Amino acid sequence: MNIPLFTASPLPYSALHAGTRPHTNRHLIGGFAPDPGRLQHFNDLLELIGADHPHVDIDQLATAARELIANAPDGHIPNCIRDRFRRAGAIDLMHMAPAWNTPAAAALASVIAMNYLHGNGRLLPSTAPIVGWLDGAVMIEDP
């Protein structure tokens, strides 16, 4: 999104990089099976945000979710997700500021991301423990 407000904790490598991953073909994310149509919509939005934003598949998200869950024994939302939602909060505040002036492409990308985050058609349910906001973090990620 080209808004480097601060240095964020890295998302799991598998969330943004395709390739060989252990435990492939496991598509449940915190016990939830994402809808393929919503995944396609999610990837379409990523492409609108920027041609260089990598598309994701269910296995990537499931692998990243397993990694995050394994590293969060306390059950809290991981810092890498929290960091991106802090960034999303700053983007929301910029949208409310009447004097906000930004290039059209960046403004469009931020509107797409904010509409996704505030909408009802999310890829993952926000109620999923630990990783319910992983899709939003990927949406906010600046590749």
C-alpha atoms as a PDB file:
ATOM      1  CA  MET A   1       0.000   0.000   0.000  1.00  0.00           C
ATOM      2  CA  ASN A   2       3.092   2.232   0.003  1.00  0.00           C
ATOM      3  CA  ILE A   3       2.312   3.620   3.442  1.00  0.00           C
ATOM      4  CA  PRO A   4       5.323   2.639   5.581  1.00  0.00           C
ATOM      5  CA  LEU A   5       4.041   4.007   8.873  1.00  0.00           C
ATOM      6  CA  PHE A   6       6.321   1.771  10.919  1.00  0.00           C
ATOM      7  CA  THR A   7       8.230  -1.464  10.641  1.00  0.00           C
ATOM      8  CA  ALA A   8       5.847  -4.369  11.083  1.00  0.00           C
ATOM      9  CA  SER A   9       6.565  -7.855  12.367  1.00  0.00           C
ATOM     10  CA  PRO A  10       6.853 -10.154   9.361  1.00  0.00           C
ATOM     11  CA  LEU A  11       3.944 -12.328   8.329  1.00  0.00           C
ATOM     12  CA  PRO A  12       4.789 -16.013   7.967  1.00  0.00           C
ATOM     13  CA  TYR A  13       6.775 -16.585   4.781  1.00  0.00           C
ATOM     14  CA  SER A  14       4.167 -18.986   3.445  1.00  0.00           C
ATOM     15  CA  ALA A  15       1.437 -16.312   3.564  1.00  0.00           C
ATOM     16  CA  LEU A  16       2.962 -14.412   0.650  1.00  0.00           C
ATOM     17  CA  HIS A  17       5.195 -16.892  -1.154  1.00  0.00           C
ATOM     18  CA  ALA A  18       4.030 -19.835  -3.223  1.00  0.00           C
ATOM     19  CA  GLY A  19       6.167 -22.896  -3.498  1.00  0.00           C
ATOM     20  CA  THR A  20       6.877 -26.186  -1.819  1.00  0.00           C
ATOM     21  CA  ARG A  21       5.465 -26.265   1.670  1.00  0.00           C
ATOM     22  CA  PRO A  22       5.190 -29.111   4.142  1.00  0.00           C
ATOM     23  CA  HIS A  23       1.732 -30.527   4.794  1.00  0.00           C
ATOM     24  CA  THR A  24       0.271 -29.401   1.461  1.00  0.00           C
ATOM     25  CA  ASN A  25      -3.350 -30.097   0.614  1.00  0.00           C
ATOM     26  CA  ARG A  26      -4.508 -29.283   4.106  1.00  0.00           C
ATOM     27  CA  HIS A  27      -6.982 -26.510   3.575  1.00  0.00           C
ATOM     28  CA  LEU A  28      -8.582 -25.954   6.959  1.00  0.00           C
ATOM     29  CA  ILE A  29      -7.742 -22.710   8.700  1.00  0.00           C
ATOM     30  CA  GLY A  30      -8.480 -22.952  12.392  1.00  0.00           C
ATOM     31  CA  GLY A  31     -11.124 -25.595  11.598  1.00  0.00           C
ATOM     32  CA  PHE A  32     -12.696 -23.411   8.893  1.00  0.00           C
ATOM     33  CA  ALA A  33     -12.738 -24.305   5.177  1.00  0.00           C
ATOM     34  CA  PRO A  34     -12.561 -21.093   3.095  1.00  0.00           C
ATOM     35  CA  ASP A  35     -14.899 -20.744   0.135  1.00  0.00           C
ATOM     36  CA  PRO A  36     -13.092 -20.950  -3.257  1.00  0.00           C
ATOM     37  CA  GLY A  37     -15.271 -18.138  -4.649  1.00  0.00           C
ATOM     38  CA  ARG A  38     -14.244 -15.833  -1.817  1.00  0.00           C
ATOM     39  CA  LEU A  39     -10.620 -16.786  -2.408  1.00  0.00           C
ATOM     40  CA  GLN A  40     -10.957 -15.763  -6.063  1.00  0.00           C
ATOM     41  CA  HIS A  41     -12.564 -12.473  -5.020  1.00  0.00           C
ATOM     42  CA  PHE A  42      -9.766 -11.930  -2.491  1.00  0.00           C
ATOM     43  CA  ASN A  43      -7.102 -12.474  -5.175  1.00  0.00           C
ATOM     44  CA  ASP A  44      -8.965 -10.190  -7.584  1.00  0.00           C
ATOM     45  CA  LEU A  45      -8.838  -7.450  -4.940  1.00  0.00           C
ATOM     46  CA  LEU A  46      -5.120  -8.056  -4.355  1.00  0.00           C
ATOM     47  CA  GLU A  47      -4.559  -7.603  -8.078  1.00  0.00           C
ATOM     48  CA  LEU A  48      -6.527  -4.342  -8.061  1.00  0.00           C
ATOM     49  CA  ILE A  49      -4.406  -3.098  -5.172  1.00  0.00           C
ATOM     50  CA  GLY A  50      -1.250  -3.753  -7.138  1.00  0.00           C
ATOM     51  CA  ALA A  51      -0.072  -6.011  -9.935  1.00  0.00           C
ATOM     52  CA  ASP A  52       2.961  -6.948  -7.828  1.00  0.00           C
ATOM     53  CA  HIS A  53       0.847  -8.093  -4.866  1.00  0.00           C
ATOM     54  CA  PRO A  54       1.159 -11.899  -4.804  1.00  0.00           C
ATOM     55  CA  HIS A  55      -1.976 -14.008  -5.106  1.00  0.00           C
ATOM     56  CA  VAL A  56      -2.509 -16.569  -2.381  1.00  0.00           C
ATOM     57  CA  ASP A  57      -3.992 -20.037  -2.349  1.00  0.00           C
ATOM     58  CA  ILE A  58      -5.800 -21.841   0.432  1.00  0.00           C
ATOM     59  CA  ASP A  59      -2.792 -24.013   1.202  1.00  0.00           C
ATOM     60  CA  GLN A  60      -0.605 -20.922   1.704  1.00  0.00           C
ATOM     61  CA  LEU A  61      -3.089 -19.429   4.138  1.00  0.00           C
ATOM     62  CA  ALA A  62      -3.575 -22.753   5.947  1.00  0.00           C
ATOM     63  CA  THR A  63       0.189 -23.226   6.267  1.00  0.00           C
ATOM     64  CA  ALA A  64       0.649 -19.674   7.567  1.00  0.00           C
ATOM     65  CA  ALA A  65      -2.259 -20.144   9.977  1.00  0.00           C
ATOM     66  CA  ARG A  66      -0.774 -23.368  11.369  1.00  0.00           C
ATOM     67  CA  GLU A  67       2.537 -21.593  11.900  1.00  0.00           C
ATOM     68  CA  LEU A  68       0.876 -18.666  13.661  1.00  0.00           C
ATOM     69  CA  ILE A  69      -1.261 -20.940  15.845  1.00  0.00           C
ATOM     70  CA  ALA A  70       1.767 -23.035  16.804  1.00  0.00           C
ATOM     71  CA  ASN A  71       3.636 -19.882  17.850  1.00  0.00           C
ATOM     72  CA  ALA A  72       0.759 -18.414  19.859  1.00  0.00           C
ATOM     73  CA  PRO A  73       0.312 -20.753  22.833  1.00  0.00           C
ATOM     74  CA  ASP A  74      -1.288 -17.910  24.792  1.00  0.00           C
ATOM     75  CA  GLY A  75      -4.099 -17.653  22.221  1.00  0.00           C
ATOM     76  CA  HIS A  76      -3.460 -13.974  21.452  1.00  0.00           C
ATOM     77  CA  ILE A  77      -3.513 -12.464  17.978  1.00  0.00           C
ATOM     78  CA  PRO A  78       0.096 -12.497  16.705  1.00  0.00           C
ATOM     79  CA  ASN A  79       2.024  -9.221  16.486  1.00  0.00           C
ATOM     80  CA  CYS A  80       2.414  -9.570  12.714  1.00  0.00           C
ATOM     81  CA  ILE A  81      -1.380  -9.358  12.355  1.00  0.00           C
ATOM     82  CA  ARG A  82      -1.744  -6.629  14.992  1.00  0.00           C
ATOM     83  CA  ASP A  83       0.895  -4.519  13.223  1.00  0.00           C
ATOM     84  CA  ARG A  84      -1.004  -4.594   9.953  1.00  0.00           C
ATOM     85  CA  PHE A  85      -4.248  -3.656  11.674  1.00  0.00           C
ATOM     86  CA  ARG A  86      -2.525  -0.691  13.293  1.00  0.00           C
ATOM     87  CA  ARG A  87      -1.557   0.312   9.761  1.00  0.00           C
ATOM     88  CA  ALA A  88      -5.168  -0.224   8.650  1.00  0.00           C
ATOM     89  CA  GLY A  89      -6.325   2.025  11.490  1.00  0.00           C
ATOM     90  CA  ALA A  90      -3.969   4.759  10.300  1.00  0.00           C
ATOM     91  CA  ILE A  91      -5.289   4.366   6.754  1.00  0.00           C
ATOM     92  CA  ASP A  92      -8.852   4.681   8.076  1.00  0.00           C
ATOM     93  CA  LEU A  93      -7.899   7.911   9.876  1.00  0.00           C
ATOM     94  CA  MET A  94      -6.340   9.303   6.713  1.00  0.00           C
ATOM     95  CA  HIS A  95      -9.590   8.655   4.842  1.00  0.00           C
ATOM     96  CA  MET A  96     -11.456  10.710   7.425  1.00  0.00           C
ATOM     97  CA  ALA A  97      -9.026  13.641   7.177  1.00  0.00           C
ATOM     98  CA  PRO A  98     -10.388  16.249   4.742  1.00  0.00           C
ATOM     99  CA  ALA A  99      -6.887  17.426   3.845  1.00  0.00           C
ATOM    100  CA  TRP A 100      -5.639  13.951   2.900  1.00  0.00           C
ATOM    101  CA  ASN A 101      -4.075  14.241  -0.524  1.00  0.00           C
ATOM    102  CA  THR A 102      -2.494  11.200  -2.100  1.00  0.00           C
ATOM    103  CA  PRO A 103      -1.857   9.843  -5.594  1.00  0.00           C
ATOM    104  CA  ALA A 104      -4.918   8.230  -7.171  1.00  0.00           C
ATOM    105  CA  ALA A 105      -3.420   4.720  -7.304  1.00  0.00           C
ATOM    106  CA  ALA A 106      -2.561   4.728  -3.591  1.00  0.00           C
ATOM    107  CA  ALA A 107      -5.975   6.152  -2.712  1.00  0.00           C
ATOM    108  CA  LEU A 108      -7.724   3.453  -4.755  1.00  0.00           C
ATOM    109  CA  ALA A 109      -5.637   0.704  -3.141  1.00  0.00           C
ATOM    110  CA  SER A 110      -6.458   1.978   0.330  1.00  0.00           C
ATOM    111  CA  VAL A 111     -10.188   2.228  -0.441  1.00  0.00           C
ATOM    112  CA  ILE A 112     -10.220  -1.353  -1.763  1.00  0.00           C
ATOM    113  CA  ALA A 113      -8.421  -2.634   1.340  1.00  0.00           C
ATOM    114  CA  MET A 114     -10.629  -0.703   3.773  1.00  0.00           C
ATOM    115  CA  ASN A 115     -13.828  -1.811   2.016  1.00  0.00           C
ATOM    116  CA  TYR A 116     -12.641  -5.408   2.291  1.00  0.00           C
ATOM    117  CA  LEU A 117     -11.774  -5.083   5.978  1.00  0.00           C
ATOM    118  CA  HIS A 118     -15.091  -3.452   6.836  1.00  0.00           C
ATOM    119  CA  GLY A 119     -17.192  -5.690   4.575  1.00  0.00           C
ATOM    120  CA  ASN A 120     -19.059  -8.903   5.219  1.00  0.00           C
ATOM    121  CA  GLY A 121     -17.515 -10.989   2.428  1.00  0.00           C
ATOM    122  CA  ARG A 122     -14.216 -11.748   4.133  1.00  0.00           C
ATOM    123  CA  LEU A 123     -12.278 -14.894   3.262  1.00  0.00           C
ATOM    124  CA  LEU A 124     -11.772 -15.910   6.912  1.00  0.00           C
ATOM    125  CA  PRO A 125     -14.200 -15.347   9.771  1.00  0.00           C
ATOM    126  CA  SER A 126     -12.841 -12.728  12.150  1.00  0.00           C
ATOM    127  CA  THR A 127     -14.050 -14.913  15.018  1.00  0.00           C
ATOM    128  CA  ALA A 128     -11.491 -17.656  14.239  1.00  0.00           C
ATOM    129  CA  PRO A 129      -9.105 -17.797  17.205  1.00  0.00           C
ATOM    130  CA  ILE A 130      -5.617 -16.351  16.595  1.00  0.00           C
ATOM    131  CA  VAL A 131      -5.839 -16.214  12.774  1.00  0.00           C
ATOM    132  CA  GLY A 132      -9.270 -14.689  12.118  1.00  0.00           C
ATOM    133  CA  TRP A 133      -7.666 -11.534  10.754  1.00  0.00           C
ATOM    134  CA  LEU A 134      -4.917 -13.204   8.709  1.00  0.00           C
ATOM    135  CA  ASP A 135      -6.650 -12.441   5.396  1.00  0.00           C
ATOM    136  CA  GLY A 136      -6.908  -8.772   6.333  1.00  0.00           C
ATOM    137  CA  ALA A 137      -3.221  -8.704   7.249  1.00  0.00           C
ATOM    138  CA  VAL A 138      -2.347 -10.124   3.828  1.00  0.00           C
ATOM    139  CA  MET A 139      -4.604  -7.502   2.210  1.00  0.00           C
ATOM    140  CA  ILE A 140      -2.762  -4.699   4.051  1.00  0.00           C
ATOM    141  CA  GLU A 141       0.721  -6.134   3.449  1.00  0.00           C
ATOM    142  CA  ASP A 142       2.962  -4.031   1.223  1.00  0.00           C
ATOM    143  CA  PRO A 143       4.680  -6.599  -1.033  1.00  0.00           C
END
